[in-house]
């Protein structure tokens, strides 16, 4: 109960309640990070109106999808990891270059995934890759330019 004893407060400047989920935190393992990352990818593919909907089971007669993420991690733990895990070094983000901050944060991960993929995958003669990028035409202000793409 270190957090409670030392007066740690939540984001609304309220003291932590004695039954707060944050006080039940036992640390995190590499396996839990992989599970969280897999769930994050799954949630990105299977869209719902609210994030918490992925953990709800549909009632009898509801036309809602049943996601099995609850078997891997409870919602409160997913939220805490998502809130407090920073998978990039924020000190390396440069405000003066034209590349958006989100891409600067993901660049190291992207390079790593590409390096590992290149070592694990050897393309053969019966493989075709059709690559296409479609420009987003919404209200996004930031323009993304990929070198070598026309």
N, C-alpha and C. Protein backbone atom coordinates (compact mmCIF):
# COMPACT_ATOMS: atom_id res chain seq x y z
N UNK A 1 0.82 -1.20 0.00
CA UNK A 1 0.00 0.00 0.00
C UNK A 1 0.87 1.26 0.00
N UNK A 2 2.00 1.17 -0.66
CA UNK A 2 2.94 2.29 -0.75
C UNK A 2 2.26 3.54 -1.32
N UNK A 3 1.46 3.34 -2.38
CA UNK A 3 0.82 4.48 -3.02
C UNK A 3 -0.15 5.18 -2.08
N UNK A 4 -0.91 4.39 -1.34
CA UNK A 4 -1.89 4.96 -0.41
C UNK A 4 -1.19 5.66 0.76
N UNK A 5 -0.15 5.03 1.30
CA UNK A 5 0.57 5.60 2.44
C UNK A 5 1.27 6.90 2.09
N UNK A 6 1.73 7.02 0.86
CA UNK A 6 2.47 8.21 0.46
C UNK A 6 1.61 9.25 -0.24
N UNK A 7 0.31 9.10 -0.15
CA UNK A 7 -0.60 10.13 -0.64
C UNK A 7 -0.64 10.28 -2.15
N UNK A 8 -0.42 9.19 -2.88
CA UNK A 8 -0.50 9.27 -4.33
C UNK A 8 -1.94 9.55 -4.72
N UNK A 9 -2.11 10.45 -5.66
CA UNK A 9 -3.46 10.85 -6.08
C UNK A 9 -3.68 10.43 -7.52
N UNK A 10 -4.95 10.37 -7.92
CA UNK A 10 -5.26 10.01 -9.30
C UNK A 10 -5.23 11.25 -10.18
N UNK A 11 -5.63 11.10 -11.44
CA UNK A 11 -5.52 12.21 -12.38
C UNK A 11 -6.48 13.36 -12.07
N UNK A 12 -7.47 13.13 -11.21
CA UNK A 12 -8.38 14.22 -10.83
C UNK A 12 -7.99 14.82 -9.49
N UNK A 13 -6.78 14.48 -9.02
CA UNK A 13 -6.24 14.99 -7.77
C UNK A 13 -7.03 14.49 -6.56
N UNK A 14 -7.62 13.31 -6.68
CA UNK A 14 -8.29 12.67 -5.55
C UNK A 14 -7.37 11.60 -4.98
N UNK A 15 -7.38 11.42 -3.66
CA UNK A 15 -6.56 10.34 -3.11
C UNK A 15 -7.07 8.99 -3.62
N UNK A 16 -6.17 8.03 -3.75
CA UNK A 16 -6.57 6.70 -4.21
C UNK A 16 -7.47 6.04 -3.17
N UNK A 17 -8.52 5.40 -3.64
CA UNK A 17 -9.42 4.68 -2.75
C UNK A 17 -8.73 3.40 -2.31
N UNK A 18 -9.06 2.92 -1.13
CA UNK A 18 -8.38 1.72 -0.61
C UNK A 18 -8.65 0.48 -1.45
N UNK A 19 -9.72 0.46 -2.26
CA UNK A 19 -10.00 -0.67 -3.15
C UNK A 19 -9.64 -0.36 -4.59
N UNK A 20 -8.79 0.62 -4.82
CA UNK A 20 -8.38 0.99 -6.17
C UNK A 20 -7.65 -0.15 -6.86
N UNK A 21 -7.93 -0.35 -8.14
CA UNK A 21 -7.26 -1.40 -8.92
C UNK A 21 -5.76 -1.12 -9.04
N UNK A 22 -5.38 0.14 -8.99
CA UNK A 22 -3.97 0.49 -9.09
C UNK A 22 -3.18 -0.05 -7.90
N UNK A 23 -3.82 -0.14 -6.74
CA UNK A 23 -3.15 -0.69 -5.57
C UNK A 23 -2.95 -2.19 -5.68
N UNK A 24 -3.76 -2.86 -6.50
CA UNK A 24 -3.63 -4.31 -6.70
C UNK A 24 -2.57 -4.64 -7.75
N UNK A 25 -1.93 -3.64 -8.29
CA UNK A 25 -0.93 -3.85 -9.34
C UNK A 25 0.24 -4.64 -8.80
N UNK A 26 0.62 -5.70 -9.52
CA UNK A 26 1.72 -6.57 -9.08
C UNK A 26 2.91 -6.51 -10.02
N UNK A 27 2.98 -5.52 -10.86
CA UNK A 27 4.05 -5.47 -11.84
C UNK A 27 3.60 -6.11 -13.14
N UNK A 28 4.50 -6.17 -14.09
CA UNK A 28 4.13 -6.69 -15.41
C UNK A 28 5.27 -7.53 -15.95
N UNK A 29 4.90 -8.56 -16.69
CA UNK A 29 5.91 -9.44 -17.28
C UNK A 29 5.97 -9.23 -18.79
N UNK A 30 6.99 -9.78 -19.39
CA UNK A 30 7.12 -9.70 -20.85
C UNK A 30 5.96 -10.40 -21.53
N UNK A 31 5.53 -11.53 -20.97
CA UNK A 31 4.39 -12.26 -21.55
C UNK A 31 3.13 -11.41 -21.54
N UNK A 32 2.91 -10.66 -20.45
CA UNK A 32 1.73 -9.80 -20.38
C UNK A 32 1.81 -8.67 -21.39
N UNK A 33 3.00 -8.16 -21.67
CA UNK A 33 3.16 -7.13 -22.69
C UNK A 33 2.80 -7.69 -24.06
N UNK A 34 3.24 -8.92 -24.34
CA UNK A 34 2.88 -9.55 -25.62
C UNK A 34 1.38 -9.77 -25.73
N UNK A 35 0.74 -10.21 -24.65
CA UNK A 35 -0.71 -10.39 -24.66
C UNK A 35 -1.40 -9.06 -24.88
N UNK A 36 -0.95 -8.01 -24.18
CA UNK A 36 -1.52 -6.68 -24.35
C UNK A 36 -1.37 -6.19 -25.79
N UNK A 37 -0.19 -6.41 -26.36
CA UNK A 37 0.06 -5.98 -27.74
C UNK A 37 -0.84 -6.74 -28.71
N UNK A 38 -0.99 -8.05 -28.51
CA UNK A 38 -1.89 -8.83 -29.35
C UNK A 38 -3.33 -8.36 -29.23
N UNK A 39 -3.75 -8.05 -28.00
CA UNK A 39 -5.12 -7.54 -27.80
C UNK A 39 -5.29 -6.19 -28.46
N UNK A 40 -4.27 -5.36 -28.40
CA UNK A 40 -4.33 -4.04 -29.03
C UNK A 40 -4.50 -4.18 -30.55
N UNK A 41 -3.78 -5.11 -31.15
CA UNK A 41 -3.92 -5.36 -32.58
C UNK A 41 -5.32 -5.89 -32.89
N UNK A 42 -5.81 -6.83 -32.07
CA UNK A 42 -7.14 -7.40 -32.27
C UNK A 42 -8.22 -6.31 -32.18
N UNK A 43 -8.09 -5.45 -31.17
CA UNK A 43 -9.07 -4.38 -30.97
C UNK A 43 -9.02 -3.39 -32.12
N UNK A 44 -7.83 -3.17 -32.67
CA UNK A 44 -7.70 -2.28 -33.82
C UNK A 44 -8.38 -2.83 -35.06
N UNK A 45 -8.41 -4.16 -35.19
CA UNK A 45 -9.04 -4.79 -36.35
C UNK A 45 -10.54 -4.92 -36.16
N UNK A 46 -10.96 -5.33 -34.97
CA UNK A 46 -12.38 -5.56 -34.67
C UNK A 46 -12.92 -4.34 -33.93
N UNK A 47 -13.43 -3.40 -34.66
CA UNK A 47 -13.89 -2.12 -34.10
C UNK A 47 -15.21 -2.28 -33.34
N UNK A 48 -15.31 -1.57 -32.25
CA UNK A 48 -16.54 -1.44 -31.46
C UNK A 48 -16.73 0.03 -31.15
N UNK A 49 -17.95 0.39 -30.76
CA UNK A 49 -18.22 1.79 -30.43
C UNK A 49 -17.44 2.25 -29.21
N UNK A 50 -17.34 1.37 -28.22
CA UNK A 50 -16.59 1.69 -27.01
C UNK A 50 -15.55 0.60 -26.77
N UNK A 51 -14.44 0.97 -26.20
CA UNK A 51 -13.37 0.02 -25.92
C UNK A 51 -13.86 -1.08 -24.98
N UNK A 52 -14.64 -0.72 -23.99
CA UNK A 52 -15.11 -1.70 -23.01
C UNK A 52 -16.06 -2.73 -23.61
N UNK A 53 -16.60 -2.47 -24.79
CA UNK A 53 -17.51 -3.43 -25.44
C UNK A 53 -16.81 -4.74 -25.79
N UNK A 54 -15.51 -4.71 -25.94
CA UNK A 54 -14.78 -5.94 -26.24
C UNK A 54 -14.80 -6.92 -25.08
N UNK A 55 -15.04 -6.44 -23.87
CA UNK A 55 -15.06 -7.29 -22.69
C UNK A 55 -16.47 -7.69 -22.28
N UNK A 56 -17.48 -7.19 -22.94
CA UNK A 56 -18.87 -7.50 -22.58
C UNK A 56 -19.36 -8.70 -23.37
N UNK A 57 -20.12 -9.55 -22.69
CA UNK A 57 -20.75 -10.67 -23.39
C UNK A 57 -22.16 -10.24 -23.79
N UNK A 58 -22.58 -10.58 -25.00
CA UNK A 58 -23.91 -10.17 -25.43
C UNK A 58 -25.00 -10.90 -24.66
N UNK A 59 -26.08 -10.20 -24.40
CA UNK A 59 -27.23 -10.81 -23.72
C UNK A 59 -28.04 -11.61 -24.72
N UNK A 60 -28.89 -12.44 -24.21
CA UNK A 60 -29.74 -13.27 -25.05
C UNK A 60 -30.61 -12.38 -25.93
N UNK A 61 -30.54 -12.57 -27.22
CA UNK A 61 -31.32 -11.78 -28.16
C UNK A 61 -30.58 -10.59 -28.74
N UNK A 62 -29.42 -10.25 -28.17
CA UNK A 62 -28.63 -9.13 -28.70
C UNK A 62 -27.91 -9.55 -29.97
N UNK A 63 -27.79 -8.63 -30.89
CA UNK A 63 -27.03 -8.87 -32.12
C UNK A 63 -25.65 -8.23 -31.97
N UNK A 64 -24.92 -8.67 -30.99
CA UNK A 64 -23.59 -8.12 -30.72
C UNK A 64 -22.55 -9.22 -30.87
N UNK A 65 -21.35 -8.83 -31.22
CA UNK A 65 -20.29 -9.82 -31.40
C UNK A 65 -19.71 -10.23 -30.04
N UNK A 66 -19.24 -11.45 -29.99
CA UNK A 66 -18.64 -11.98 -28.77
C UNK A 66 -17.13 -12.03 -28.96
N UNK A 67 -16.41 -11.23 -28.20
CA UNK A 67 -14.96 -11.20 -28.26
C UNK A 67 -14.43 -12.03 -27.09
N UNK A 68 -13.35 -12.72 -27.30
CA UNK A 68 -12.81 -13.59 -26.25
C UNK A 68 -11.62 -12.97 -25.52
N UNK A 69 -11.49 -11.66 -25.56
CA UNK A 69 -10.33 -11.02 -24.93
C UNK A 69 -10.34 -11.15 -23.42
N UNK A 70 -11.52 -11.34 -22.82
CA UNK A 70 -11.62 -11.45 -21.37
C UNK A 70 -10.84 -12.67 -20.87
N UNK A 71 -10.65 -13.66 -21.71
CA UNK A 71 -9.90 -14.86 -21.31
C UNK A 71 -8.42 -14.55 -21.10
N UNK A 72 -7.94 -13.50 -21.72
CA UNK A 72 -6.51 -13.22 -21.69
C UNK A 72 -6.11 -12.15 -20.68
N UNK A 73 -6.97 -11.15 -20.49
CA UNK A 73 -6.62 -10.05 -19.59
C UNK A 73 -7.89 -9.29 -19.22
N UNK A 74 -8.07 -8.96 -17.93
CA UNK A 74 -9.25 -8.17 -17.56
C UNK A 74 -9.14 -6.74 -18.09
N UNK A 75 -10.29 -6.10 -18.21
CA UNK A 75 -10.37 -4.74 -18.76
C UNK A 75 -9.54 -3.75 -17.96
N UNK A 76 -9.62 -3.82 -16.63
CA UNK A 76 -8.90 -2.85 -15.79
C UNK A 76 -7.39 -2.96 -15.99
N UNK A 77 -6.88 -4.20 -16.16
CA UNK A 77 -5.44 -4.36 -16.35
C UNK A 77 -5.03 -3.87 -17.72
N UNK A 78 -5.85 -4.14 -18.75
CA UNK A 78 -5.58 -3.64 -20.09
C UNK A 78 -5.50 -2.11 -20.07
N UNK A 79 -6.44 -1.48 -19.37
CA UNK A 79 -6.45 -0.01 -19.28
C UNK A 79 -5.21 0.52 -18.59
N UNK A 80 -4.81 -0.11 -17.49
CA UNK A 80 -3.63 0.37 -16.76
C UNK A 80 -2.37 0.25 -17.60
N UNK A 81 -2.21 -0.89 -18.28
CA UNK A 81 -1.04 -1.05 -19.15
C UNK A 81 -1.08 -0.03 -20.27
N UNK A 82 -2.26 0.13 -20.87
CA UNK A 82 -2.40 1.07 -21.99
C UNK A 82 -2.11 2.50 -21.54
N UNK A 83 -2.46 2.80 -20.31
CA UNK A 83 -2.28 4.16 -19.81
C UNK A 83 -0.84 4.46 -19.42
N UNK A 84 -0.18 3.50 -18.80
CA UNK A 84 1.13 3.78 -18.22
C UNK A 84 2.32 3.24 -19.00
N UNK A 85 2.10 2.36 -19.96
CA UNK A 85 3.21 1.84 -20.75
C UNK A 85 3.55 2.82 -21.86
N UNK A 86 4.79 3.20 -21.94
CA UNK A 86 5.23 4.09 -23.01
C UNK A 86 6.26 3.32 -23.83
N UNK A 87 5.84 2.76 -24.99
CA UNK A 87 6.73 1.90 -25.76
C UNK A 87 7.72 2.64 -26.66
N UNK A 88 8.06 3.86 -26.29
CA UNK A 88 9.03 4.63 -27.06
C UNK A 88 9.72 5.61 -26.12
N UNK A 89 10.86 6.10 -26.55
CA UNK A 89 11.62 7.06 -25.76
C UNK A 89 11.16 8.47 -26.13
N UNK A 90 10.40 9.10 -25.26
CA UNK A 90 9.83 10.42 -25.55
C UNK A 90 10.89 11.51 -25.68
N UNK A 91 12.10 11.25 -25.19
CA UNK A 91 13.16 12.27 -25.30
C UNK A 91 13.72 12.35 -26.71
N UNK A 92 13.45 11.34 -27.55
CA UNK A 92 13.97 11.34 -28.92
C UNK A 92 13.04 12.04 -29.91
N UNK A 93 11.88 12.49 -29.45
CA UNK A 93 10.94 13.16 -30.35
C UNK A 93 11.40 14.60 -30.56
N UNK A 94 11.57 14.96 -31.81
CA UNK A 94 12.06 16.29 -32.18
C UNK A 94 10.90 17.10 -32.75
N UNK A 95 10.56 18.18 -32.08
CA UNK A 95 9.45 19.03 -32.51
C UNK A 95 9.80 19.85 -33.75
N UNK A 96 11.07 19.95 -34.09
CA UNK A 96 11.49 20.83 -35.18
C UNK A 96 11.52 20.17 -36.55
N UNK A 97 11.39 18.85 -36.62
CA UNK A 97 11.40 18.21 -37.93
C UNK A 97 9.97 18.03 -38.43
N UNK A 98 9.77 17.96 -39.74
CA UNK A 98 8.40 17.93 -40.27
C UNK A 98 7.66 16.61 -40.08
N UNK A 99 8.35 15.53 -39.67
CA UNK A 99 7.69 14.25 -39.46
C UNK A 99 6.80 14.33 -38.22
N UNK A 100 5.52 13.95 -38.32
CA UNK A 100 4.63 14.02 -37.16
C UNK A 100 5.16 13.21 -35.98
N UNK A 101 4.81 13.64 -34.77
CA UNK A 101 5.32 13.03 -33.55
C UNK A 101 4.96 11.54 -33.46
N UNK A 102 3.76 11.19 -33.89
CA UNK A 102 3.33 9.79 -33.80
C UNK A 102 4.21 8.88 -34.64
N UNK A 103 4.65 9.38 -35.81
CA UNK A 103 5.51 8.57 -36.66
C UNK A 103 6.93 8.52 -36.12
N UNK A 104 7.37 9.59 -35.45
CA UNK A 104 8.68 9.55 -34.82
C UNK A 104 8.70 8.50 -33.70
N UNK A 105 7.61 8.43 -32.95
CA UNK A 105 7.52 7.46 -31.86
C UNK A 105 7.50 6.03 -32.38
N UNK A 106 6.86 5.81 -33.52
CA UNK A 106 6.72 4.45 -34.07
C UNK A 106 7.87 4.04 -34.97
N UNK A 107 8.75 4.97 -35.32
CA UNK A 107 9.80 4.67 -36.29
C UNK A 107 10.76 3.57 -35.82
N UNK A 108 11.16 3.61 -34.58
CA UNK A 108 12.08 2.60 -34.06
C UNK A 108 11.43 1.21 -34.06
N UNK A 109 10.14 1.15 -33.68
CA UNK A 109 9.40 -0.12 -33.71
C UNK A 109 9.28 -0.61 -35.15
N UNK A 110 8.97 0.28 -36.06
CA UNK A 110 8.80 -0.09 -37.46
C UNK A 110 10.10 -0.67 -38.02
N UNK A 111 11.21 -0.01 -37.74
CA UNK A 111 12.52 -0.50 -38.21
C UNK A 111 12.82 -1.89 -37.64
N UNK A 112 12.51 -2.07 -36.35
CA UNK A 112 12.76 -3.37 -35.70
C UNK A 112 11.91 -4.47 -36.34
N UNK A 113 10.63 -4.21 -36.55
CA UNK A 113 9.73 -5.20 -37.16
C UNK A 113 10.20 -5.55 -38.56
N UNK A 114 10.63 -4.56 -39.32
CA UNK A 114 11.11 -4.82 -40.67
C UNK A 114 12.40 -5.65 -40.66
N UNK A 115 13.32 -5.34 -39.72
CA UNK A 115 14.57 -6.09 -39.61
C UNK A 115 14.30 -7.55 -39.26
N UNK A 116 13.46 -7.77 -38.25
CA UNK A 116 13.15 -9.14 -37.82
C UNK A 116 12.41 -9.89 -38.92
N UNK A 117 11.46 -9.23 -39.57
CA UNK A 117 10.72 -9.86 -40.66
C UNK A 117 11.65 -10.28 -41.79
N UNK A 118 12.63 -9.46 -42.09
CA UNK A 118 13.57 -9.78 -43.17
C UNK A 118 14.42 -10.99 -42.82
N UNK A 119 14.72 -11.19 -41.54
CA UNK A 119 15.51 -12.37 -41.16
C UNK A 119 14.66 -13.63 -41.10
N UNK A 120 13.37 -13.50 -40.79
CA UNK A 120 12.51 -14.67 -40.65
C UNK A 120 11.88 -15.11 -41.96
N UNK A 121 11.73 -14.22 -42.90
CA UNK A 121 10.99 -14.52 -44.13
C UNK A 121 11.90 -14.44 -45.34
N UNK A 122 11.95 -15.50 -46.09
CA UNK A 122 12.71 -15.54 -47.33
C UNK A 122 11.71 -15.73 -48.47
N UNK A 123 11.45 -14.70 -49.25
CA UNK A 123 10.46 -14.85 -50.33
C UNK A 123 10.93 -15.85 -51.38
N UNK A 124 9.97 -16.61 -51.89
CA UNK A 124 10.27 -17.60 -52.93
C UNK A 124 9.83 -17.11 -54.29
N UNK A 125 9.78 -18.01 -55.24
CA UNK A 125 9.44 -17.63 -56.61
C UNK A 125 7.93 -17.57 -56.84
N UNK A 126 7.12 -18.07 -55.91
CA UNK A 126 5.68 -18.09 -56.11
C UNK A 126 4.98 -17.08 -55.20
N UNK A 127 5.58 -15.95 -55.00
CA UNK A 127 5.01 -14.93 -54.13
C UNK A 127 4.88 -13.63 -54.90
N UNK A 128 3.71 -13.02 -54.79
CA UNK A 128 3.48 -11.72 -55.41
C UNK A 128 2.97 -10.76 -54.34
N UNK A 129 3.51 -9.57 -54.31
CA UNK A 129 3.08 -8.55 -53.36
C UNK A 129 2.51 -7.39 -54.16
N UNK A 130 1.25 -7.11 -53.91
CA UNK A 130 0.60 -5.98 -54.56
C UNK A 130 0.50 -4.89 -53.51
N UNK A 131 1.25 -3.84 -53.69
CA UNK A 131 1.34 -2.79 -52.68
C UNK A 131 0.67 -1.53 -53.19
N UNK A 132 -0.15 -0.94 -52.35
CA UNK A 132 -0.88 0.26 -52.76
C UNK A 132 -1.10 1.13 -51.53
N UNK A 133 -0.96 2.42 -51.71
CA UNK A 133 -1.27 3.36 -50.63
C UNK A 133 -2.33 4.32 -51.15
N UNK A 134 -3.40 4.46 -50.38
CA UNK A 134 -4.47 5.35 -50.76
C UNK A 134 -4.42 6.55 -49.82
N UNK A 135 -4.44 7.73 -50.37
CA UNK A 135 -4.36 8.94 -49.56
C UNK A 135 -5.65 9.12 -48.78
N UNK A 136 -5.51 9.44 -47.49
CA UNK A 136 -6.65 9.71 -46.64
C UNK A 136 -7.21 11.08 -47.02
N UNK A 137 -8.51 11.14 -47.29
CA UNK A 137 -9.11 12.40 -47.75
C UNK A 137 -10.01 13.03 -46.70
N UNK A 138 -9.82 12.65 -45.45
CA UNK A 138 -10.64 13.22 -44.38
C UNK A 138 -10.14 14.59 -43.97
N UNK A 139 -10.38 14.93 -42.73
CA UNK A 139 -10.03 16.27 -42.23
C UNK A 139 -8.67 16.31 -41.55
N UNK A 140 -7.86 15.33 -41.77
CA UNK A 140 -6.55 15.27 -41.14
C UNK A 140 -5.64 16.36 -41.71
N UNK A 141 -5.01 17.12 -40.83
CA UNK A 141 -4.14 18.22 -41.25
C UNK A 141 -2.75 17.71 -41.62
N UNK A 142 -2.25 16.74 -40.87
CA UNK A 142 -0.89 16.24 -41.09
C UNK A 142 -0.82 15.46 -42.40
N UNK A 143 0.16 15.78 -43.22
CA UNK A 143 0.38 15.11 -44.50
C UNK A 143 1.51 14.11 -44.31
N UNK A 144 1.30 12.88 -44.71
CA UNK A 144 2.31 11.84 -44.60
C UNK A 144 2.93 11.59 -45.96
N UNK A 145 4.24 11.72 -46.05
CA UNK A 145 4.94 11.49 -47.31
C UNK A 145 5.88 10.31 -47.10
N UNK A 146 5.76 9.30 -47.94
CA UNK A 146 6.62 8.13 -47.88
C UNK A 146 7.61 8.23 -49.03
N UNK A 147 8.90 8.27 -48.70
CA UNK A 147 9.92 8.39 -49.74
C UNK A 147 9.89 7.18 -50.65
N UNK A 148 10.02 7.41 -51.94
CA UNK A 148 10.03 6.32 -52.91
C UNK A 148 8.65 5.95 -53.41
N UNK A 149 7.58 6.54 -52.83
CA UNK A 149 6.22 6.26 -53.29
C UNK A 149 5.75 7.43 -54.13
N UNK A 150 5.03 7.12 -55.19
CA UNK A 150 4.53 8.21 -56.04
C UNK A 150 3.04 8.38 -55.88
